[in-house]
Amino acid sequence: MKIFNKIYSRGKTLPKPIKNTIRPLYSKIKVRERIKIDKELLKDIVEFHNQINDFKITYEEGVMLCKLGKKLMADLWNIMKPKTEEEIQKYYEICLYGLFELVYAHANEGNRKFREKVVALSLYEVLDYGGGDGSLSMMLAERGINVTYVDVPSINMEFAKWAFKKRGYNIEVLDAYSDQEKIWQKTYGTILCIELIEHVYNPKYLLEKLASNLRKGGKLIITRLNCPGPTVDLPLHFKLSFNAENLLISHGLSKKEGAFEGDRDLWIKK
């Protein structure tokens, strides 16, 4: 790769046909370099999978499922065509591929840096709402931060509970449906709502609860407030039918501009 970098860096002096050939090859290599799967996490997912399923997979097959996870999730959604909140809940309860898709989504360089920054910014009591595979909750717990993990009943949640126990983390796990009273009985210094709001059936209600249960001076780190809605690759996304930023402002939050790149926001409660 170092030799290739040297050749590519001299692209201005290379003949155009050679330069045009090298450029796409270089891009593919760079993309491949930037994908770093969390091997320990994937090993745990494969172990968990093999404990709960009759059919067993190898680590290498787990890597393949990571790369195919997004498509498999979309295919299952298109087969089930969930419309109601109950139907959507059932989808997440049985969707096995979400665990693998999350590993791959978190593996690219941009997401790794984002998650590291999220951990660095998180203080006090943290609510990881929509914690998925639990990996971010574990990163926070590793720093000694008190974390409450919340998600819907799903294979993701079952894995998170299993992983917390296996790794010895004292992370409270709450069900987004049945534990609502417990979730909202206290306030939090940091609330994370990452890669979630676009999946929620009633996002306005959730945003109001998140804003109301954030302490004064607390941080809300949230993504996808401007999700365009479902696409061919991501049919399980919803577009927010209201102005989310105005809602957060009305609850006393202000947006810290430039905190993150892309559709990722940091809001502070006044």
C-alpha atoms as a PDB file:
ATOM      1  CA  MET A   1       0.000   0.000   0.000  1.00  0.00           C
ATOM      2  CA  LYS A   2       2.899   2.404   0.778  1.00  0.00           C
ATOM      3  CA  ILE A   3       4.301   1.852  -2.724  1.00  0.00           C
ATOM      4  CA  PHE A   4       0.841   2.419  -4.199  1.00  0.00           C
ATOM      5  CA  ASN A   5       0.512   5.657  -2.206  1.00  0.00           C
ATOM      6  CA  LYS A   6       3.808   6.904  -3.654  1.00  0.00           C
ATOM      7  CA  ILE A   7       2.728   6.076  -7.188  1.00  0.00           C
ATOM      8  CA  TYR A   8      -0.661   7.733  -6.694  1.00  0.00           C
ATOM      9  CA  SER A   9       0.826  10.856  -5.099  1.00  0.00           C
ATOM     10  CA  ARG A  10       2.828  11.373  -8.298  1.00  0.00           C
ATOM     11  CA  GLY A  11      -0.395  11.228 -10.329  1.00  0.00           C
ATOM     12  CA  LYS A  12       0.039  14.757 -11.669  1.00  0.00           C
ATOM     13  CA  THR A  13       3.148  13.667 -13.548  1.00  0.00           C
ATOM     14  CA  LEU A  14       1.770  10.345 -14.809  1.00  0.00           C
ATOM     15  CA  PRO A  15       0.252   9.943 -18.291  1.00  0.00           C
ATOM     16  CA  LYS A  16      -3.532  10.403 -18.221  1.00  0.00           C
ATOM     17  CA  PRO A  17      -4.427   6.788 -19.237  1.00  0.00           C
ATOM     18  CA  ILE A  18      -2.324   5.408 -16.358  1.00  0.00           C
ATOM     19  CA  LYS A  19      -3.681   7.987 -13.914  1.00  0.00           C
ATOM     20  CA  ASN A  20      -7.286   7.146 -14.864  1.00  0.00           C
ATOM     21  CA  THR A  21      -6.569   3.439 -14.307  1.00  0.00           C
ATOM     22  CA  ILE A  22      -4.917   3.944 -10.931  1.00  0.00           C
ATOM     23  CA  ARG A  23      -7.503   6.298  -9.428  1.00  0.00           C
ATOM     24  CA  PRO A  24     -10.427   3.795  -9.061  1.00  0.00           C
ATOM     25  CA  LEU A  25      -8.084   1.058  -7.845  1.00  0.00           C
ATOM     26  CA  TYR A  26      -6.633   3.402  -5.235  1.00  0.00           C
ATOM     27  CA  SER A  27     -10.110   4.419  -4.077  1.00  0.00           C
ATOM     28  CA  LYS A  28     -11.132   0.778  -3.593  1.00  0.00           C
ATOM     29  CA  ILE A  29      -8.000   0.030  -1.566  1.00  0.00           C
ATOM     30  CA  LYS A  30      -8.511   3.119   0.623  1.00  0.00           C
ATOM     31  CA  VAL A  31     -12.135   2.179   1.319  1.00  0.00           C
ATOM     32  CA  ARG A  32     -11.063  -1.347   2.232  1.00  0.00           C
ATOM     33  CA  GLU A  33      -8.357   0.053   4.522  1.00  0.00           C
ATOM     34  CA  ARG A  34     -10.851   2.258   6.373  1.00  0.00           C
ATOM     35  CA  ILE A  35     -13.160  -0.636   7.256  1.00  0.00           C
ATOM     36  CA  LYS A  36     -11.986  -2.146  10.552  1.00  0.00           C
ATOM     37  CA  ILE A  37     -14.421  -4.641  11.993  1.00  0.00           C
ATOM     38  CA  ASP A  38     -14.403  -4.969  15.780  1.00  0.00           C
ATOM     39  CA  LYS A  39     -13.157  -8.559  15.864  1.00  0.00           C
ATOM     40  CA  GLU A  40     -13.884  -9.149  19.540  1.00  0.00           C
ATOM     41  CA  LEU A  41     -17.443  -7.899  19.143  1.00  0.00           C
ATOM     42  CA  LEU A  42     -18.035 -10.042  16.081  1.00  0.00           C
ATOM     43  CA  LYS A  43     -16.572 -13.097  17.839  1.00  0.00           C
ATOM     44  CA  ASP A  44     -19.084 -12.522  20.641  1.00  0.00           C
ATOM     45  CA  ILE A  45     -21.938 -12.153  18.156  1.00  0.00           C
ATOM     46  CA  VAL A  46     -20.975 -15.400  16.412  1.00  0.00           C
ATOM     47  CA  GLU A  47     -20.771 -17.168  19.795  1.00  0.00           C
ATOM     48  CA  PHE A  48     -24.158 -15.744  20.821  1.00  0.00           C
ATOM     49  CA  HIS A  49     -25.678 -16.698  17.455  1.00  0.00           C
ATOM     50  CA  ASN A  50     -24.458 -20.274  17.797  1.00  0.00           C
ATOM     51  CA  GLN A  51     -25.937 -20.541  21.292  1.00  0.00           C
ATOM     52  CA  ILE A  52     -29.440 -19.445  20.297  1.00  0.00           C
ATOM     53  CA  ASN A  53     -29.687 -21.057  16.848  1.00  0.00           C
ATOM     54  CA  ASP A  54     -29.617 -24.651  15.669  1.00  0.00           C
ATOM     55  CA  PHE A  55     -27.542 -23.730  12.624  1.00  0.00           C
ATOM     56  CA  LYS A  56     -23.979 -22.700  13.462  1.00  0.00           C
ATOM     57  CA  ILE A  57     -21.746 -20.235  11.656  1.00  0.00           C
ATOM     58  CA  THR A  58     -18.013 -19.612  11.610  1.00  0.00           C
ATOM     59  CA  TYR A  59     -16.309 -16.267  12.199  1.00  0.00           C
ATOM     60  CA  GLU A  60     -15.636 -15.987   8.452  1.00  0.00           C
ATOM     61  CA  GLU A  61     -19.338 -16.528   7.744  1.00  0.00           C
ATOM     62  CA  GLY A  62     -20.048 -13.835  10.346  1.00  0.00           C
ATOM     63  CA  VAL A  63     -17.871 -11.398   8.376  1.00  0.00           C
ATOM     64  CA  MET A  64     -19.888 -12.240   5.260  1.00  0.00           C
ATOM     65  CA  LEU A  65     -23.154 -11.609   7.129  1.00  0.00           C
ATOM     66  CA  CYS A  66     -21.784  -8.222   8.237  1.00  0.00           C
ATOM     67  CA  LYS A  67     -21.325  -7.229   4.604  1.00  0.00           C
ATOM     68  CA  LEU A  68     -24.740  -8.584   3.600  1.00  0.00           C
ATOM     69  CA  GLY A  69     -26.632  -7.452   6.705  1.00  0.00           C
ATOM     70  CA  LYS A  70     -28.052  -4.244   5.254  1.00  0.00           C
ATOM     71  CA  LYS A  71     -29.477  -6.019   2.200  1.00  0.00           C
ATOM     72  CA  LEU A  72     -30.849  -8.911   4.262  1.00  0.00           C
ATOM     73  CA  MET A  73     -32.597  -6.478   6.610  1.00  0.00           C
ATOM     74  CA  ALA A  74     -34.146  -4.654   3.651  1.00  0.00           C
ATOM     75  CA  ASP A  75     -35.261  -7.937   2.084  1.00  0.00           C
ATOM     76  CA  LEU A  76     -36.947  -9.082   5.304  1.00  0.00           C
ATOM     77  CA  TRP A  77     -38.687  -5.706   5.648  1.00  0.00           C
ATOM     78  CA  ASN A  78     -39.977  -5.947   2.071  1.00  0.00           C
ATOM     79  CA  ILE A  79     -41.233  -9.478   2.725  1.00  0.00           C
ATOM     80  CA  MET A  80     -43.012  -8.584   5.988  1.00  0.00           C
ATOM     81  CA  LYS A  81     -44.164  -5.086   4.867  1.00  0.00           C
ATOM     82  CA  PRO A  82     -44.867  -3.910   8.439  1.00  0.00           C
ATOM     83  CA  LYS A  83     -47.258  -0.960   8.715  1.00  0.00           C
ATOM     84  CA  THR A  84     -48.483  -0.775  12.305  1.00  0.00           C
ATOM     85  CA  GLU A  85     -46.361  -0.264  15.404  1.00  0.00           C
ATOM     86  CA  GLU A  86     -47.057  -3.873  16.412  1.00  0.00           C
ATOM     87  CA  GLU A  87     -45.920  -5.176  13.027  1.00  0.00           C
ATOM     88  CA  ILE A  88     -42.755  -3.084  13.177  1.00  0.00           C
ATOM     89  CA  GLN A  89     -42.060  -4.380  16.682  1.00  0.00           C
ATOM     90  CA  LYS A  90     -42.411  -7.941  15.401  1.00  0.00           C
ATOM     91  CA  TYR A  91     -39.907  -7.225  12.615  1.00  0.00           C
ATOM     92  CA  TYR A  92     -37.226  -6.157  15.102  1.00  0.00           C
ATOM     93  CA  GLU A  93     -37.998  -9.104  17.365  1.00  0.00           C
ATOM     94  CA  ILE A  94     -37.137 -11.637  14.674  1.00  0.00           C
ATOM     95  CA  CYS A  95     -34.594  -9.760  12.534  1.00  0.00           C
ATOM     96  CA  LEU A  96     -31.339 -11.650  13.076  1.00  0.00           C
ATOM     97  CA  TYR A  97     -29.298  -9.605  10.616  1.00  0.00           C
ATOM     98  CA  GLY A  98     -29.352  -6.332  12.548  1.00  0.00           C
ATOM     99  CA  LEU A  99     -26.489  -7.420  14.796  1.00  0.00           C
ATOM    100  CA  PHE A 100     -24.210  -8.113  11.849  1.00  0.00           C
ATOM    101  CA  GLU A 101     -25.271  -4.965   9.997  1.00  0.00           C
ATOM    102  CA  LEU A 102     -24.398  -2.836  13.038  1.00  0.00           C
ATOM    103  CA  VAL A 103     -20.900  -4.300  13.269  1.00  0.00           C
ATOM    104  CA  TYR A 104     -20.247  -3.360   9.650  1.00  0.00           C
ATOM    105  CA  ALA A 105     -21.866   0.077   9.957  1.00  0.00           C
ATOM    106  CA  HIS A 106     -19.642   0.892  12.947  1.00  0.00           C
ATOM    107  CA  ALA A 107     -16.532  -0.376  11.156  1.00  0.00           C
ATOM    108  CA  ASN A 108     -15.950   2.509   8.777  1.00  0.00           C
ATOM    109  CA  GLU A 109     -13.520   5.243   9.723  1.00  0.00           C
ATOM    110  CA  GLY A 110     -16.116   8.010   9.968  1.00  0.00           C
ATOM    111  CA  ASN A 111     -18.347   6.079  12.355  1.00  0.00           C
ATOM    112  CA  ARG A 112     -15.408   4.933  14.487  1.00  0.00           C
ATOM    113  CA  LYS A 113     -14.253   8.525  14.981  1.00  0.00           C
ATOM    114  CA  PHE A 114     -17.811   9.678  15.649  1.00  0.00           C
ATOM    115  CA  ARG A 115     -18.363   7.031  18.321  1.00  0.00           C
ATOM    116  CA  GLU A 116     -15.047   7.876  19.976  1.00  0.00           C
ATOM    117  CA  LYS A 117     -16.087  11.540  20.110  1.00  0.00           C
ATOM    118  CA  VAL A 118     -19.488  10.609  21.527  1.00  0.00           C
ATOM    119  CA  VAL A 119     -17.791   8.722  24.363  1.00  0.00           C
ATOM    120  CA  ALA A 120     -15.449  11.644  25.025  1.00  0.00           C
ATOM    121  CA  LEU A 121     -18.381  14.094  25.213  1.00  0.00           C
ATOM    122  CA  SER A 122     -20.597  11.923  27.409  1.00  0.00           C
ATOM    123  CA  LEU A 123     -20.773  12.837  31.100  1.00  0.00           C
ATOM    124  CA  TYR A 124     -22.699  11.899  34.229  1.00  0.00           C
ATOM    125  CA  GLU A 125     -25.682   9.591  33.943  1.00  0.00           C
ATOM    126  CA  VAL A 126     -26.002   8.481  30.298  1.00  0.00           C
ATOM    127  CA  LEU A 127     -29.128   7.204  28.579  1.00  0.00           C
ATOM    128  CA  ASP A 128     -28.253   5.171  25.480  1.00  0.00           C
ATOM    129  CA  TYR A 129     -31.685   5.166  23.870  1.00  0.00           C
ATOM    130  CA  GLY A 130     -31.762   2.696  20.993  1.00  0.00           C
ATOM    131  CA  GLY A 131     -28.502   1.084  22.101  1.00  0.00           C
ATOM    132  CA  GLY A 132     -28.633  -1.704  19.493  1.00  0.00           C
ATOM    133  CA  ASP A 133     -25.819  -4.201  19.985  1.00  0.00           C
ATOM    134  CA  GLY A 134     -24.752  -2.445  23.213  1.00  0.00           C
ATOM    135  CA  SER A 135     -21.235  -1.707  21.953  1.00  0.00           C
ATOM    136  CA  LEU A 136     -21.486   2.041  22.622  1.00  0.00           C
ATOM    137  CA  SER A 137     -22.856   1.393  26.119  1.00  0.00           C
ATOM    138  CA  MET A 138     -19.863  -0.864  26.760  1.00  0.00           C
ATOM    139  CA  MET A 139     -17.446   1.810  25.515  1.00  0.00           C
ATOM    140  CA  LEU A 140     -19.006   4.229  28.010  1.00  0.00           C
ATOM    141  CA  ALA A 141     -18.975   1.712  30.859  1.00  0.00           C
ATOM    142  CA  GLU A 142     -15.292   1.087  30.160  1.00  0.00           C
ATOM    143  CA  ARG A 143     -14.711   4.742  31.143  1.00  0.00           C
ATOM    144  CA  GLY A 144     -16.587   4.228  34.397  1.00  0.00           C
ATOM    145  CA  ILE A 145     -19.700   6.099  33.232  1.00  0.00           C
ATOM    146  CA  ASN A 146     -23.079   4.999  34.585  1.00  0.00           C
ATOM    147  CA  VAL A 147     -25.128   3.885  31.557  1.00  0.00           C
ATOM    148  CA  THR A 148     -28.763   2.941  31.051  1.00  0.00           C
ATOM    149  CA  TYR A 149     -29.316   0.956  27.846  1.00  0.00           C
ATOM    150  CA  VAL A 150     -32.760   1.092  26.222  1.00  0.00           C
ATOM    151  CA  ASP A 151     -34.072  -0.660  23.136  1.00  0.00           C
ATOM    152  CA  VAL A 152     -37.111  -2.523  21.874  1.00  0.00           C
ATOM    153  CA  PRO A 153     -37.429  -6.277  22.519  1.00  0.00           C
ATOM    154  CA  SER A 154     -35.190  -7.757  19.857  1.00  0.00           C
ATOM    155  CA  ILE A 155     -32.255 -10.034  19.163  1.00  0.00           C
ATOM    156  CA  ASN A 156     -30.100  -6.901  19.494  1.00  0.00           C
ATOM    157  CA  MET A 157     -31.291  -6.403  23.054  1.00  0.00           C
ATOM    158  CA  GLU A 158     -30.836 -10.075  23.943  1.00  0.00           C
ATOM    159  CA  PHE A 159     -27.260  -9.943  22.655  1.00  0.00           C
ATOM    160  CA  ALA A 160     -26.562  -6.724  24.566  1.00  0.00           C
ATOM    161  CA  LYS A 161     -27.724  -8.300  27.842  1.00  0.00           C
ATOM    162  CA  TRP A 162     -25.633 -11.396  27.105  1.00  0.00           C
ATOM    163  CA  ALA A 163     -22.550  -9.331  26.227  1.00  0.00           C
ATOM    164  CA  PHE A 164     -22.869  -7.082  29.296  1.00  0.00           C
ATOM    165  CA  LYS A 165     -22.952 -10.143  31.530  1.00  0.00           C
ATOM    166  CA  LYS A 166     -20.107 -11.902  29.711  1.00  0.00           C
ATOM    167  CA  ARG A 167     -17.832  -8.842  29.880  1.00  0.00           C
ATOM    168  CA  GLY A 168     -18.795  -7.989  33.446  1.00  0.00           C
ATOM    169  CA  TYR A 169     -20.441  -4.598  32.823  1.00  0.00           C
ATOM    170  CA  ASN A 170     -23.078  -3.369  35.273  1.00  0.00           C
ATOM    171  CA  ILE A 171     -25.318  -1.717  32.674  1.00  0.00           C
ATOM    172  CA  GLU A 172     -29.032  -1.371  33.344  1.00  0.00           C
ATOM    173  CA  VAL A 173     -31.132  -2.736  30.462  1.00  0.00           C
ATOM    174  CA  LEU A 174     -34.660  -1.383  29.970  1.00  0.00           C
ATOM    175  CA  ASP A 175     -37.412  -2.249  27.493  1.00  0.00           C
ATOM    176  CA  ALA A 176     -38.568   0.785  25.479  1.00  0.00           C
ATOM    177  CA  TYR A 177     -42.159  -0.482  25.698  1.00  0.00           C
ATOM    178  CA  SER A 178     -42.703  -2.123  29.085  1.00  0.00           C
ATOM    179  CA  ASP A 179     -40.222  -0.057  31.136  1.00  0.00           C
ATOM    180  CA  GLN A 180     -41.323   3.428  30.081  1.00  0.00           C
ATOM    181  CA  GLU A 181     -42.184   4.541  33.602  1.00  0.00           C
ATOM    182  CA  LYS A 182     -38.744   3.530  34.852  1.00  0.00           C
ATOM    183  CA  ILE A 183     -36.935   5.131  31.895  1.00  0.00           C
ATOM    184  CA  TRP A 184     -38.574   8.510  32.380  1.00  0.00           C
ATOM    185  CA  GLN A 185     -38.645   8.656  36.184  1.00  0.00           C
ATOM    186  CA  LYS A 186     -35.255  10.385  36.262  1.00  0.00           C
ATOM    187  CA  THR A 187     -33.188  12.896  34.302  1.00  0.00           C
ATOM    188  CA  TYR A 188     -29.908  12.317  32.481  1.00  0.00           C
ATOM    189  CA  GLY A 189     -26.735  14.313  31.966  1.00  0.00           C
ATOM    190  CA  THR A 190     -26.239  12.884  28.475  1.00  0.00           C
ATOM    191  CA  ILE A 191     -28.780  11.268  26.177  1.00  0.00           C
ATOM    192  CA  LEU A 192     -27.729   9.369  23.066  1.00  0.00           C
ATOM    193  CA  CYS A 193     -30.229   8.757  20.271  1.00  0.00           C
ATOM    194  CA  ILE A 194     -28.004   7.479  17.505  1.00  0.00           C
ATOM    195  CA  GLU A 195     -29.247   5.893  14.263  1.00  0.00           C
ATOM    196  CA  LEU A 196     -32.665   5.501  15.879  1.00  0.00           C
ATOM    197  CA  ILE A 197     -35.147   8.331  15.343  1.00  0.00           C
ATOM    198  CA  GLU A 198     -35.643   7.336  11.693  1.00  0.00           C
ATOM    199  CA  HIS A 199     -36.863   3.907  12.853  1.00  0.00           C
ATOM    200  CA  VAL A 200     -39.366   5.116  15.469  1.00  0.00           C
ATOM    201  CA  TYR A 201     -43.107   4.872  14.845  1.00  0.00           C
ATOM    202  CA  ASN A 202     -43.900   7.939  16.995  1.00  0.00           C
ATOM    203  CA  PRO A 203     -40.742  10.104  16.873  1.00  0.00           C
ATOM    204  CA  LYS A 204     -42.414  13.304  18.127  1.00  0.00           C
ATOM    205  CA  TYR A 205     -43.401  11.681  21.418  1.00  0.00           C
ATOM    206  CA  LEU A 206     -39.903  10.263  21.858  1.00  0.00           C
ATOM    207  CA  LEU A 207     -38.154  13.583  21.162  1.00  0.00           C
ATOM    208  CA  GLU A 208     -40.381  15.328  23.699  1.00  0.00           C
ATOM    209  CA  LYS A 209     -39.495  12.722  26.338  1.00  0.00           C
ATOM    210  CA  LEU A 210     -35.780  12.927  25.573  1.00  0.00           C
ATOM    211  CA  ALA A 211     -35.813  16.728  25.803  1.00  0.00           C
ATOM    212  CA  SER A 212     -37.894  16.755  28.997  1.00  0.00           C
ATOM    213  CA  ASN A 213     -35.641  14.254  30.763  1.00  0.00           C
ATOM    214  CA  LEU A 214     -32.363  15.991  29.970  1.00  0.00           C
ATOM    215  CA  ARG A 215     -30.812  17.907  32.867  1.00  0.00           C
ATOM    216  CA  LYS A 216     -30.015  21.591  32.634  1.00  0.00           C
ATOM    217  CA  GLY A 217     -26.647  21.836  30.869  1.00  0.00           C
ATOM    218  CA  GLY A 218     -27.065  18.265  29.654  1.00  0.00           C
ATOM    219  CA  LYS A 219     -26.200  16.993  26.174  1.00  0.00           C
ATOM    220  CA  LEU A 220     -28.390  15.334  23.588  1.00  0.00           C
ATOM    221  CA  ILE A 221     -26.409  13.629  20.831  1.00  0.00           C
ATOM    222  CA  ILE A 222     -28.788  12.661  18.057  1.00  0.00           C
ATOM    223  CA  THR A 223     -28.564  11.632  14.404  1.00  0.00           C
ATOM    224  CA  ARG A 224     -30.803  11.579  11.336  1.00  0.00           C
ATOM    225  CA  LEU A 225     -33.205  14.384  12.268  1.00  0.00           C
ATOM    226  CA  ASN A 226     -33.262  15.161   8.538  1.00  0.00           C
ATOM    227  CA  CYS A 227     -33.687  11.600   7.288  1.00  0.00           C
ATOM    228  CA  PRO A 228     -35.238  11.744   3.777  1.00  0.00           C
ATOM    229  CA  GLY A 229     -37.394   8.691   4.475  1.00  0.00           C
ATOM    230  CA  PRO A 230     -37.403   5.210   2.941  1.00  0.00           C
ATOM    231  CA  THR A 231     -35.130   4.325   0.042  1.00  0.00           C
ATOM    232  CA  VAL A 232     -34.640   1.142  -1.967  1.00  0.00           C
ATOM    233  CA  ASP A 233     -31.659   0.195   0.222  1.00  0.00           C
ATOM    234  CA  LEU A 234     -33.270   1.396   3.470  1.00  0.00           C
ATOM    235  CA  PRO A 235     -37.036   0.788   3.294  1.00  0.00           C
ATOM    236  CA  LEU A 236     -37.229   0.676   7.115  1.00  0.00           C
ATOM    237  CA  HIS A 237     -36.566   4.428   7.487  1.00  0.00           C
ATOM    238  CA  PHE A 238     -39.266   6.996   8.235  1.00  0.00           C
ATOM    239  CA  LYS A 239     -39.211  10.700   7.450  1.00  0.00           C
ATOM    240  CA  LEU A 240     -40.109  12.988  10.336  1.00  0.00           C
ATOM    241  CA  SER A 241     -43.405  14.758   9.591  1.00  0.00           C
ATOM    242  CA  PHE A 242     -42.614  17.744  11.846  1.00  0.00           C
ATOM    243  CA  ASN A 243     -39.767  20.194  12.404  1.00  0.00           C
ATOM    244  CA  ALA A 244     -37.604  18.360  14.937  1.00  0.00           C
ATOM    245  CA  GLU A 245     -35.230  21.277  15.502  1.00  0.00           C
ATOM    246  CA  ASN A 246     -38.090  23.632  16.380  1.00  0.00           C
ATOM    247  CA  LEU A 247     -39.430  21.057  18.813  1.00  0.00           C
ATOM    248  CA  LEU A 248     -36.069  20.768  20.590  1.00  0.00           C
ATOM    249  CA  ILE A 249     -35.690  24.553  20.708  1.00  0.00           C
ATOM    250  CA  SER A 250     -39.173  24.850  22.251  1.00  0.00           C
ATOM    251  CA  HIS A 251     -37.991  22.527  25.037  1.00  0.00           C
ATOM    252  CA  GLY A 252     -35.036  24.765  25.874  1.00  0.00           C
ATOM    253  CA  LEU A 253     -32.299  23.078  23.834  1.00  0.00           C
ATOM    254  CA  SER A 254     -29.799  24.845  21.607  1.00  0.00           C
ATOM    255  CA  LYS A 255     -27.795  23.262  18.806  1.00  0.00           C
ATOM    256  CA  LYS A 256     -24.003  23.414  18.967  1.00  0.00           C
ATOM    257  CA  GLU A 257     -23.038  24.111  15.390  1.00  0.00           C
ATOM    258  CA  GLY A 258     -20.094  22.220  13.906  1.00  0.00           C
ATOM    259  CA  ALA A 259     -19.910  19.642  16.690  1.00  0.00           C
ATOM    260  CA  PHE A 260     -20.151  16.770  14.191  1.00  0.00           C
ATOM    261  CA  GLU A 261     -20.144  16.249  10.449  1.00  0.00           C
ATOM    262  CA  GLY A 262     -23.187  15.200   8.461  1.00  0.00           C
ATOM    263  CA  ASP A 263     -26.630  14.585   9.941  1.00  0.00           C
ATOM    264  CA  ARG A 264     -25.285  14.279  13.496  1.00  0.00           C
ATOM    265  CA  ASP A 265     -26.110  16.904  16.094  1.00  0.00           C
ATOM    266  CA  LEU A 266     -25.140  17.972  19.589  1.00  0.00           C
ATOM    267  CA  TRP A 267     -27.829  19.833  21.531  1.00  0.00           C
ATOM    268  CA  ILE A 268     -27.347  21.467  24.938  1.00  0.00           C
ATOM    269  CA  LYS A 269     -30.187  22.140  27.392  1.00  0.00           C
ATOM    270  CA  LYS A 270     -30.144  25.712  28.685  1.00  0.00           C
END
